[in-house]
Amino acid sequence: MSGPVAGPDGGLRCPWGLATEDYVAYHDTEWGRPVHGDDALYERLCLEAFQSGLSWLTILRRREGFRAAFAGFEIARVAEFGAPDVERLLGDEGIIRNRAKIEATVANAKTLAGWEPGELDALIWSHAPAGRRRAAPMTTEEIPAVTPESTALAKALKKAGIRFVGPTTAYALMQACGLVNDHLARCVSRDPS
């Protein structure tokens, strides 16, 4: 089923949002809600990069492990990580132990540490589509994996020295952080009050 599905409370939700209890909570309280702040957006950017090639549920269930391993995703603290930290992270069972993704997370923090406060937030949000109130998708098949805006965001981030982000990862970030609203029409989280 690709349209909204009734949950245990009778409310309609995006079908993926009912797959597990973890997804219900994430769908209902986080996904698609606006996220601002450099550290908060850095965390989401990193987690989306770690998710590449994996299920989001894998990342969601390890999010607290990631937060512990990466100093709460505070850019200034992660920017201080060095080679011993990378080796420590490669042995941390609470995260995805992928060297390229770990090294990109650290390198990105080092890059972002040199930016002005609010610069990452401004760069990401400058790629929110004009007229964000586009028609709500009726089915999951209507939701794109890549858009011109996500392609432009990925290009801008790469040009600024940010690693491990492509148009698909950028679009997932845009969805998760509320730059676009891809909750299905009639979903209880489409326009939460």
N, C-alpha and C. Protein backbone atom coordinates (compact mmCIF):
# COMPACT_ATOMS: atom_id res chain seq x y z
N MET A 1 0.85 -1.17 0.00
CA MET A 1 0.00 0.00 0.00
C MET A 1 0.89 1.23 0.00
N SER A 2 0.61 2.18 -0.86
CA SER A 2 1.48 3.35 -0.99
C SER A 2 0.81 4.64 -0.54
N GLY A 3 -0.47 4.58 -0.23
CA GLY A 3 -1.17 5.75 0.28
C GLY A 3 -1.15 5.75 1.80
N PRO A 4 -1.77 6.76 2.42
CA PRO A 4 -1.79 6.81 3.88
C PRO A 4 -2.49 5.59 4.48
N VAL A 5 -2.00 5.17 5.64
CA VAL A 5 -2.51 3.98 6.30
C VAL A 5 -2.95 4.36 7.73
N ALA A 6 -4.05 3.78 8.18
CA ALA A 6 -4.53 4.06 9.53
C ALA A 6 -3.63 3.39 10.57
N GLY A 7 -3.25 4.16 11.56
CA GLY A 7 -2.44 3.65 12.66
C GLY A 7 -3.33 3.13 13.78
N PRO A 8 -2.73 2.67 14.86
CA PRO A 8 -3.50 2.12 15.98
C PRO A 8 -4.49 3.13 16.58
N ASP A 9 -4.17 4.42 16.46
CA ASP A 9 -5.05 5.46 16.99
C ASP A 9 -6.11 5.88 15.97
N GLY A 10 -6.10 5.25 14.78
CA GLY A 10 -7.05 5.59 13.73
C GLY A 10 -6.59 6.70 12.81
N GLY A 11 -5.54 7.40 13.20
CA GLY A 11 -5.01 8.49 12.37
C GLY A 11 -4.26 7.94 11.17
N LEU A 12 -4.41 8.61 10.03
CA LEU A 12 -3.71 8.18 8.82
C LEU A 12 -2.27 8.67 8.85
N ARG A 13 -1.38 7.79 8.39
CA ARG A 13 0.05 8.12 8.36
C ARG A 13 0.68 7.62 7.06
N CYS A 14 1.84 8.19 6.78
CA CYS A 14 2.65 7.66 5.67
C CYS A 14 2.92 6.19 6.00
N PRO A 15 2.83 5.29 5.01
CA PRO A 15 2.96 3.86 5.32
C PRO A 15 4.26 3.49 6.03
N TRP A 16 5.38 4.11 5.65
CA TRP A 16 6.65 3.78 6.30
C TRP A 16 6.62 4.15 7.78
N GLY A 17 5.82 5.14 8.14
CA GLY A 17 5.76 5.62 9.51
C GLY A 17 5.10 4.67 10.48
N LEU A 18 4.56 3.57 9.98
CA LEU A 18 3.93 2.57 10.85
C LEU A 18 4.70 1.25 10.86
N ALA A 19 5.83 1.20 10.17
CA ALA A 19 6.57 -0.06 10.03
C ALA A 19 7.10 -0.59 11.36
N THR A 20 7.55 0.29 12.24
CA THR A 20 8.06 -0.11 13.55
C THR A 20 7.71 0.99 14.55
N GLU A 21 7.78 0.67 15.83
CA GLU A 21 7.53 1.69 16.85
C GLU A 21 8.53 2.83 16.74
N ASP A 22 9.78 2.51 16.40
CA ASP A 22 10.79 3.56 16.21
C ASP A 22 10.36 4.53 15.12
N TYR A 23 9.85 3.99 14.04
CA TYR A 23 9.41 4.84 12.93
C TYR A 23 8.19 5.66 13.30
N VAL A 24 7.27 5.10 14.06
CA VAL A 24 6.07 5.85 14.45
C VAL A 24 6.48 7.11 15.20
N ALA A 25 7.34 6.98 16.18
CA ALA A 25 7.79 8.13 16.97
C ALA A 25 8.54 9.13 16.10
N TYR A 26 9.45 8.64 15.26
CA TYR A 26 10.23 9.52 14.39
C TYR A 26 9.32 10.23 13.40
N HIS A 27 8.43 9.49 12.77
CA HIS A 27 7.49 10.06 11.79
C HIS A 27 6.61 11.13 12.42
N ASP A 28 6.06 10.83 13.60
CA ASP A 28 5.08 11.72 14.21
C ASP A 28 5.69 12.96 14.86
N THR A 29 6.94 12.87 15.31
CA THR A 29 7.50 14.00 16.07
C THR A 29 8.71 14.69 15.45
N GLU A 30 9.36 14.07 14.45
CA GLU A 30 10.58 14.66 13.92
C GLU A 30 10.59 14.88 12.41
N TRP A 31 10.32 13.83 11.65
CA TRP A 31 10.52 13.89 10.21
C TRP A 31 9.65 14.97 9.58
N GLY A 32 10.28 15.84 8.83
CA GLY A 32 9.55 16.90 8.14
C GLY A 32 9.35 18.15 8.96
N ARG A 33 9.79 18.15 10.22
CA ARG A 33 9.67 19.35 11.06
C ARG A 33 10.92 20.20 10.84
N PRO A 34 10.77 21.51 10.75
CA PRO A 34 11.94 22.37 10.51
C PRO A 34 13.02 22.21 11.58
N VAL A 35 14.24 22.05 11.11
CA VAL A 35 15.42 21.94 11.97
C VAL A 35 16.34 23.11 11.63
N HIS A 36 16.76 23.83 12.65
CA HIS A 36 17.71 24.93 12.46
C HIS A 36 18.84 24.78 13.46
N GLY A 37 19.92 25.46 13.19
CA GLY A 37 21.11 25.43 14.04
C GLY A 37 22.20 24.61 13.37
N ASP A 38 23.40 25.14 13.39
CA ASP A 38 24.51 24.48 12.70
C ASP A 38 24.78 23.08 13.22
N ASP A 39 24.87 22.92 14.55
CA ASP A 39 25.16 21.60 15.10
C ASP A 39 24.03 20.61 14.79
N ALA A 40 22.79 21.05 14.91
CA ALA A 40 21.65 20.16 14.63
C ALA A 40 21.64 19.74 13.17
N LEU A 41 21.93 20.66 12.28
CA LEU A 41 21.95 20.32 10.85
C LEU A 41 23.18 19.48 10.50
N TYR A 42 24.30 19.74 11.16
CA TYR A 42 25.49 18.91 10.97
C TYR A 42 25.19 17.46 11.37
N GLU A 43 24.50 17.29 12.50
CA GLU A 43 24.12 15.93 12.92
C GLU A 43 23.29 15.25 11.85
N ARG A 44 22.26 15.93 11.37
CA ARG A 44 21.37 15.33 10.36
C ARG A 44 22.13 15.02 9.08
N LEU A 45 23.02 15.92 8.68
CA LEU A 45 23.83 15.71 7.49
C LEU A 45 24.71 14.46 7.65
N CYS A 46 25.33 14.34 8.82
CA CYS A 46 26.18 13.17 9.09
C CYS A 46 25.37 11.88 9.10
N LEU A 47 24.24 11.90 9.77
CA LEU A 47 23.43 10.68 9.86
C LEU A 47 22.90 10.27 8.50
N GLU A 48 22.51 11.24 7.68
CA GLU A 48 22.06 10.91 6.32
C GLU A 48 23.20 10.30 5.52
N ALA A 49 24.42 10.79 5.71
CA ALA A 49 25.57 10.21 5.00
C ALA A 49 25.83 8.78 5.48
N PHE A 50 25.73 8.55 6.79
CA PHE A 50 25.92 7.20 7.31
C PHE A 50 24.82 6.27 6.80
N GLN A 51 23.63 6.81 6.56
CA GLN A 51 22.51 5.99 6.10
C GLN A 51 22.70 5.51 4.66
N SER A 52 23.48 6.22 3.89
CA SER A 52 23.66 5.88 2.48
C SER A 52 23.98 4.40 2.31
N GLY A 53 23.11 3.71 1.59
CA GLY A 53 23.27 2.29 1.34
C GLY A 53 22.68 1.40 2.42
N LEU A 54 22.10 2.00 3.45
CA LEU A 54 21.54 1.24 4.56
C LEU A 54 20.09 1.67 4.79
N SER A 55 19.43 0.98 5.67
CA SER A 55 18.08 1.36 6.09
C SER A 55 18.17 2.51 7.08
N TRP A 56 17.24 3.47 7.00
CA TRP A 56 17.22 4.55 7.97
C TRP A 56 16.98 3.99 9.38
N LEU A 57 16.26 2.89 9.48
CA LEU A 57 16.00 2.29 10.78
C LEU A 57 17.30 1.90 11.47
N THR A 58 18.27 1.42 10.70
CA THR A 58 19.57 1.07 11.25
C THR A 58 20.21 2.28 11.92
N ILE A 59 20.13 3.43 11.28
CA ILE A 59 20.71 4.66 11.81
C ILE A 59 19.89 5.15 13.00
N LEU A 60 18.58 5.15 12.85
CA LEU A 60 17.71 5.64 13.90
C LEU A 60 17.94 4.88 15.21
N ARG A 61 18.09 3.58 15.12
CA ARG A 61 18.30 2.76 16.32
C ARG A 61 19.70 2.94 16.93
N ARG A 62 20.61 3.50 16.17
CA ARG A 62 21.97 3.73 16.68
C ARG A 62 22.24 5.22 16.91
N ARG A 63 21.22 6.04 16.80
CA ARG A 63 21.43 7.49 16.88
C ARG A 63 22.09 7.90 18.19
N GLU A 64 21.66 7.33 19.31
CA GLU A 64 22.28 7.69 20.59
C GLU A 64 23.75 7.25 20.63
N GLY A 65 24.05 6.11 20.02
CA GLY A 65 25.44 5.68 19.92
C GLY A 65 26.27 6.65 19.09
N PHE A 66 25.69 7.13 17.99
CA PHE A 66 26.38 8.13 17.17
C PHE A 66 26.61 9.41 17.96
N ARG A 67 25.59 9.83 18.69
CA ARG A 67 25.73 11.07 19.47
C ARG A 67 26.84 10.94 20.51
N ALA A 68 26.90 9.80 21.16
CA ALA A 68 27.95 9.58 22.16
C ALA A 68 29.33 9.53 21.49
N ALA A 69 29.42 8.85 20.38
CA ALA A 69 30.71 8.68 19.68
C ALA A 69 31.22 9.98 19.08
N PHE A 70 30.30 10.82 18.62
CA PHE A 70 30.69 12.06 17.93
C PHE A 70 30.39 13.31 18.77
N ALA A 71 30.61 13.20 20.08
CA ALA A 71 30.54 14.37 20.98
C ALA A 71 29.27 15.18 20.78
N GLY A 72 28.15 14.49 20.68
CA GLY A 72 26.88 15.18 20.52
C GLY A 72 26.76 15.95 19.22
N PHE A 73 27.62 15.64 18.27
CA PHE A 73 27.67 16.33 16.98
C PHE A 73 27.89 17.83 17.14
N GLU A 74 28.64 18.20 18.18
CA GLU A 74 29.05 19.59 18.31
C GLU A 74 30.22 19.80 17.36
N ILE A 75 30.02 20.66 16.39
CA ILE A 75 31.02 20.85 15.33
C ILE A 75 32.39 21.15 15.92
N ALA A 76 32.46 22.08 16.87
CA ALA A 76 33.76 22.48 17.44
C ALA A 76 34.48 21.30 18.10
N ARG A 77 33.73 20.43 18.76
CA ARG A 77 34.36 19.28 19.44
C ARG A 77 34.81 18.22 18.44
N VAL A 78 33.98 17.92 17.44
CA VAL A 78 34.36 16.91 16.45
C VAL A 78 35.53 17.41 15.60
N ALA A 79 35.61 18.70 15.40
CA ALA A 79 36.72 19.28 14.61
C ALA A 79 38.07 19.01 15.27
N GLU A 80 38.06 18.74 16.58
CA GLU A 80 39.31 18.45 17.29
C GLU A 80 39.73 16.98 17.19
N PHE A 81 38.86 16.13 16.62
CA PHE A 81 39.19 14.71 16.49
C PHE A 81 40.40 14.55 15.56
N GLY A 82 41.20 13.56 15.87
CA GLY A 82 42.35 13.23 15.04
C GLY A 82 42.36 11.76 14.67
N ALA A 83 43.48 11.30 14.16
CA ALA A 83 43.61 9.90 13.73
C ALA A 83 43.29 8.90 14.84
N PRO A 84 43.72 9.14 16.10
CA PRO A 84 43.36 8.18 17.16
C PRO A 84 41.84 8.08 17.36
N ASP A 85 41.15 9.20 17.19
CA ASP A 85 39.69 9.18 17.33
C ASP A 85 39.05 8.37 16.21
N VAL A 86 39.57 8.49 15.01
CA VAL A 86 39.04 7.72 13.88
C VAL A 86 39.21 6.24 14.18
N GLU A 87 40.37 5.85 14.69
CA GLU A 87 40.60 4.44 15.03
C GLU A 87 39.66 3.99 16.14
N ARG A 88 39.46 4.85 17.14
CA ARG A 88 38.52 4.53 18.22
C ARG A 88 37.12 4.32 17.65
N LEU A 89 36.70 5.20 16.75
CA LEU A 89 35.37 5.10 16.16
C LEU A 89 35.21 3.84 15.32
N LEU A 90 36.28 3.41 14.67
CA LEU A 90 36.22 2.19 13.87
C LEU A 90 35.98 0.95 14.74
N GLY A 91 36.25 1.06 16.03
CA GLY A 91 36.00 -0.04 16.94
C GLY A 91 34.72 0.10 17.75
N ASP A 92 33.98 1.17 17.51
CA ASP A 92 32.78 1.47 18.30
C ASP A 92 31.58 0.72 17.71
N GLU A 93 31.08 -0.26 18.45
CA GLU A 93 29.95 -1.07 17.97
C GLU A 93 28.63 -0.33 18.01
N GLY A 94 28.60 0.87 18.60
CA GLY A 94 27.37 1.64 18.68
C GLY A 94 27.07 2.45 17.44
N ILE A 95 28.00 2.42 16.48
CA ILE A 95 27.83 3.19 15.24
C ILE A 95 28.08 2.29 14.03
N ILE A 96 27.91 2.86 12.85
CA ILE A 96 28.29 2.16 11.61
C ILE A 96 29.78 2.40 11.43
N ARG A 97 30.55 1.34 11.38
CA ARG A 97 32.00 1.46 11.34
C ARG A 97 32.51 1.44 9.90
N ASN A 98 32.28 2.51 9.21
CA ASN A 98 32.70 2.67 7.84
C ASN A 98 33.75 3.79 7.81
N ARG A 99 34.97 3.43 7.47
CA ARG A 99 36.07 4.40 7.54
C ARG A 99 35.79 5.65 6.71
N ALA A 100 35.33 5.49 5.50
CA ALA A 100 35.10 6.66 4.63
C ALA A 100 34.06 7.60 5.25
N LYS A 101 33.01 7.04 5.83
CA LYS A 101 31.96 7.88 6.43
C LYS A 101 32.44 8.53 7.71
N ILE A 102 33.20 7.81 8.51
CA ILE A 102 33.77 8.38 9.74
C ILE A 102 34.73 9.51 9.39
N GLU A 103 35.63 9.26 8.45
CA GLU A 103 36.60 10.29 8.07
C GLU A 103 35.90 11.51 7.48
N ALA A 104 34.84 11.30 6.71
CA ALA A 104 34.09 12.43 6.16
C ALA A 104 33.42 13.23 7.27
N THR A 105 32.88 12.56 8.28
CA THR A 105 32.23 13.25 9.40
C THR A 105 33.23 14.15 10.12
N VAL A 106 34.42 13.64 10.36
CA VAL A 106 35.46 14.43 11.03
C VAL A 106 35.94 15.56 10.12
N ALA A 107 36.21 15.25 8.87
CA ALA A 107 36.67 16.28 7.93
C ALA A 107 35.63 17.38 7.76
N ASN A 108 34.37 17.01 7.71
CA ASN A 108 33.31 18.01 7.57
C ASN A 108 33.26 18.94 8.78
N ALA A 109 33.46 18.38 9.97
CA ALA A 109 33.49 19.22 11.18
C ALA A 109 34.66 20.19 11.12
N LYS A 110 35.81 19.72 10.66
CA LYS A 110 36.97 20.60 10.55
C LYS A 110 36.69 21.74 9.56
N THR A 111 36.01 21.42 8.47
CA THR A 111 35.64 22.46 7.50
C THR A 111 34.65 23.44 8.12
N LEU A 112 33.61 22.91 8.73
CA LEU A 112 32.54 23.75 9.28
C LEU A 112 33.01 24.58 10.47
N ALA A 113 34.03 24.14 11.18
CA ALA A 113 34.55 24.90 12.32
C ALA A 113 35.08 26.26 11.87
N GLY A 114 35.45 26.38 10.62
CA GLY A 114 35.94 27.64 10.10
C GLY A 114 34.85 28.56 9.57
N TRP A 115 33.62 28.11 9.58
CA TRP A 115 32.51 28.92 9.09
C TRP A 115 31.99 29.84 10.18
N GLU A 116 31.32 30.88 9.77
CA GLU A 116 30.66 31.79 10.70
C GLU A 116 29.45 31.09 11.32
N PRO A 117 29.09 31.42 12.57
CA PRO A 117 27.88 30.84 13.16
C PRO A 117 26.66 31.13 12.28
N GLY A 118 25.87 30.10 12.05
CA GLY A 118 24.67 30.23 11.22
C GLY A 118 24.90 30.05 9.74
N GLU A 119 26.14 29.91 9.32
CA GLU A 119 26.44 29.80 7.89
C GLU A 119 25.94 28.49 7.30
N LEU A 120 26.10 27.38 8.02
CA LEU A 120 25.59 26.10 7.51
C LEU A 120 24.08 26.14 7.43
N ASP A 121 23.43 26.65 8.47
CA ASP A 121 21.98 26.78 8.49
C ASP A 121 21.51 27.60 7.28
N ALA A 122 22.16 28.74 7.06
CA ALA A 122 21.76 29.61 5.95
C ALA A 122 21.97 28.93 4.60
N LEU A 123 23.09 28.23 4.45
CA LEU A 123 23.37 27.56 3.17
C LEU A 123 22.31 26.48 2.90
N ILE A 124 22.05 25.65 3.88
CA ILE A 124 21.07 24.58 3.67
C ILE A 124 19.69 25.15 3.38
N TRP A 125 19.23 26.08 4.22
CA TRP A 125 17.87 26.62 4.06
C TRP A 125 17.72 27.49 2.83
N SER A 126 18.82 27.97 2.27
CA SER A 126 18.72 28.75 1.02
C SER A 126 18.30 27.87 -0.14
N HIS A 127 18.34 26.55 0.05
CA HIS A 127 17.95 25.62 -1.00
C HIS A 127 16.54 25.04 -0.81
N ALA A 128 15.83 25.57 0.16
CA ALA A 128 14.42 25.16 0.31
C ALA A 128 13.68 25.62 -0.94
N PRO A 129 12.87 24.77 -1.53
CA PRO A 129 12.17 25.15 -2.75
C PRO A 129 11.27 26.37 -2.53
N ALA A 130 11.23 27.21 -3.52
CA ALA A 130 10.30 28.34 -3.48
C ALA A 130 8.89 27.77 -3.46
N GLY A 131 8.01 28.42 -2.74
CA GLY A 131 6.64 27.90 -2.69
C GLY A 131 6.60 26.54 -2.05
N ARG A 132 7.17 26.43 -0.85
CA ARG A 132 7.27 25.13 -0.15
C ARG A 132 5.92 24.48 0.04
N ARG A 133 4.85 25.18 -0.16
CA ARG A 133 3.52 24.61 0.02
C ARG A 133 3.02 23.95 -1.26
N ARG A 134 3.87 23.19 -1.90
CA ARG A 134 3.46 22.48 -3.10
C ARG A 134 2.40 21.44 -2.75
N ALA A 135 1.77 20.92 -3.75
CA ALA A 135 0.71 19.94 -3.52
C ALA A 135 1.24 18.73 -2.76
N ALA A 136 0.47 18.26 -1.81
CA ALA A 136 0.87 17.11 -1.01
C ALA A 136 0.84 15.85 -1.87
N PRO A 137 1.86 15.01 -1.74
CA PRO A 137 1.83 13.75 -2.49
C PRO A 137 0.69 12.86 -1.96
N MET A 138 0.04 12.18 -2.86
CA MET A 138 -1.05 11.27 -2.48
C MET A 138 -0.53 9.87 -2.17
N THR A 139 0.58 9.49 -2.84
CA THR A 139 1.18 8.17 -2.65
C THR A 139 2.69 8.31 -2.51
N THR A 140 3.33 7.28 -2.00
CA THR A 140 4.78 7.33 -1.86
C THR A 140 5.48 7.36 -3.22
N GLU A 141 4.81 6.85 -4.25
CA GLU A 141 5.41 6.87 -5.60
C GLU A 141 5.57 8.30 -6.14
N GLU A 142 4.81 9.24 -5.60
CA GLU A 142 4.90 10.63 -6.05
C GLU A 142 6.05 11.39 -5.40
N ILE A 143 6.72 10.77 -4.46
CA ILE A 143 7.81 11.45 -3.75
C ILE A 143 9.12 11.18 -4.49
N PRO A 144 9.81 12.24 -4.91
CA PRO A 144 11.06 12.04 -5.65
C PRO A 144 12.20 11.64 -4.73
N ALA A 145 13.24 11.08 -5.32
CA ALA A 145 14.47 10.76 -4.58
C ALA A 145 15.48 11.90 -4.71
N VAL A 146 15.33 12.66 -5.80
CA VAL A 146 16.24 13.75 -6.12
C VAL A 146 15.41 14.86 -6.74
N THR A 147 15.78 16.10 -6.45
CA THR A 147 15.11 17.25 -7.06
C THR A 147 16.19 18.22 -7.55
N PRO A 148 15.81 19.19 -8.36
CA PRO A 148 16.80 20.21 -8.75
C PRO A 148 17.39 20.92 -7.53
N GLU A 149 16.57 21.14 -6.51
CA GLU A 149 17.06 21.82 -5.30
C GLU A 149 18.06 20.95 -4.54
N SER A 150 17.79 19.64 -4.46
CA SER A 150 18.73 18.77 -3.74
C SER A 150 20.03 18.63 -4.52
N THR A 151 19.94 18.63 -5.82
CA THR A 151 21.15 18.58 -6.65
C THR A 151 21.98 19.84 -6.44
N ALA A 152 21.30 21.00 -6.39
CA ALA A 152 21.99 22.27 -6.16
C ALA A 152 22.59 22.31 -4.75
N LEU A 153 21.86 21.80 -3.77
CA LEU A 153 22.37 21.79 -2.40
C LEU A 153 23.61 20.91 -2.30
N ALA A 154 23.55 19.72 -2.88
CA ALA A 154 24.71 18.82 -2.85
C ALA A 154 25.92 19.48 -3.51
N LYS A 155 25.68 20.14 -4.62
CA LYS A 155 26.77 20.82 -5.33
C LYS A 155 27.36 21.95 -4.48
N ALA A 156 26.49 22.72 -3.83
CA ALA A 156 26.95 23.83 -2.99
C ALA A 156 27.75 23.32 -1.79
N LEU A 157 27.27 22.24 -1.18
CA LEU A 157 27.99 21.68 -0.04
C LEU A 157 29.35 21.13 -0.46
N LYS A 158 29.38 20.43 -1.59
CA LYS A 158 30.66 19.90 -2.08
C LYS A 158 31.63 21.03 -2.41
N LYS A 159 31.12 22.08 -3.04
CA LYS A 159 31.97 23.23 -3.40
C LYS A 159 32.55 23.87 -2.14
N ALA A 160 31.79 23.82 -1.05
CA ALA A 160 32.23 24.40 0.22
C ALA A 160 33.14 23.46 1.00
N GLY A 161 33.42 22.27 0.45
CA GLY A 161 34.35 21.34 1.08
C GLY A 161 33.70 20.25 1.90
N ILE A 162 32.38 20.13 1.84
CA ILE A 162 31.68 19.09 2.59
C ILE A 162 31.71 17.79 1.78
N ARG A 163 32.11 16.71 2.46
CA ARG A 163 32.26 15.41 1.80
C ARG A 163 31.08 14.50 2.07
N PHE A 164 30.92 13.51 1.20
CA PHE A 164 29.97 12.41 1.33
C PHE A 164 28.53 12.88 1.29
N VAL A 165 28.24 13.78 0.36
CA VAL A 165 26.86 14.23 0.18
C VAL A 165 26.58 14.33 -1.31
N GLY A 166 25.57 13.61 -1.74
CA GLY A 166 25.12 13.68 -3.13
C GLY A 166 23.68 14.15 -3.16
N PRO A 167 23.10 14.25 -4.34
CA PRO A 167 21.73 14.76 -4.46
C PRO A 167 20.67 13.94 -3.70
N THR A 168 20.84 12.62 -3.63
CA THR A 168 19.87 11.80 -2.91
C THR A 168 19.99 12.02 -1.41
N THR A 169 21.22 12.05 -0.90
CA THR A 169 21.45 12.33 0.51
C THR A 169 20.95 13.73 0.85
N ALA A 170 21.20 14.68 -0.03
CA ALA A 170 20.74 16.06 0.20
C ALA A 170 19.22 16.11 0.25
N TYR A 171 18.54 15.33 -0.61
CA TYR A 171 17.08 15.36 -0.58
C TYR A 171 16.55 14.71 0.70
N ALA A 172 17.18 13.64 1.13
CA ALA A 172 16.76 13.01 2.40
C ALA A 172 16.93 13.99 3.55
N LEU A 173 18.01 14.77 3.53
CA LEU A 173 18.22 15.81 4.53
C LEU A 173 17.10 16.85 4.46
N MET A 174 16.76 17.27 3.23
CA MET A 174 15.70 18.27 3.06
C MET A 174 14.37 17.76 3.59
N GLN A 175 14.07 16.49 3.36
CA GLN A 175 12.84 15.90 3.88
C GLN A 175 12.86 15.84 5.41
N ALA A 176 13.94 15.31 5.96
CA ALA A 176 14.04 15.11 7.40
C ALA A 176 14.01 16.43 8.16
N CYS A 177 14.58 17.48 7.58
CA CYS A 177 14.73 18.76 8.28
C CYS A 177 13.67 19.79 7.92
N GLY A 178 12.63 19.37 7.19
CA GLY A 178 11.50 20.24 6.94
C GLY A 178 11.66 21.26 5.84
N LEU A 179 12.69 21.14 5.02
CA LEU A 179 12.81 22.05 3.87
C LEU A 179 11.73 21.76 2.85
N VAL A 180 11.31 20.51 2.83
CA VAL A 180 10.16 20.09 2.01
C VAL A 180 9.24 19.30 2.93
N ASN A 181 7.98 19.22 2.58
CA ASN A 181 7.02 18.46 3.36
C ASN A 181 6.51 17.32 2.49
N ASP A 182 7.08 16.14 2.69
CA ASP A 182 6.69 14.98 1.91
C ASP A 182 5.79 14.02 2.68
N HIS A 183 5.18 14.49 3.77
CA HIS A 183 4.13 13.68 4.39
C HIS A 183 2.98 13.61 3.37
N LEU A 184 2.39 12.45 3.26
CA LEU A 184 1.30 12.27 2.31
C LEU A 184 0.08 13.10 2.69
N ALA A 185 -0.72 13.41 1.68
CA ALA A 185 -2.00 14.09 1.93
C ALA A 185 -2.80 13.24 2.92
N ARG A 186 -3.43 13.86 3.84
CA ARG A 186 -4.26 13.24 4.88
C ARG A 186 -3.44 12.60 6.00
N CYS A 187 -2.11 12.63 5.92
CA CYS A 187 -1.27 12.12 7.01
C CYS A 187 -1.44 13.05 8.21
N VAL A 188 -1.54 12.47 9.42
CA VAL A 188 -1.71 13.28 10.63
C VAL A 188 -0.54 14.24 10.87
N SER A 189 0.61 13.94 10.31
CA SER A 189 1.78 14.80 10.50
C SER A 189 1.99 15.80 9.36
N ARG A 190 1.08 15.80 8.39
CA ARG A 190 1.22 16.72 7.26
C ARG A 190 1.24 18.17 7.73
N ASP A 191 0.27 18.54 8.50
CA ASP A 191 0.16 19.89 9.03
C ASP A 191 -0.16 19.82 10.52
N PRO A 192 0.84 19.41 11.32
CA PRO A 192 0.56 19.24 12.75
C PRO A 192 0.20 20.58 13.40
N SER A 193 -0.71 20.51 14.34
CA SER A 193 -1.12 21.75 15.00
C SER A 193 -0.32 21.96 16.28
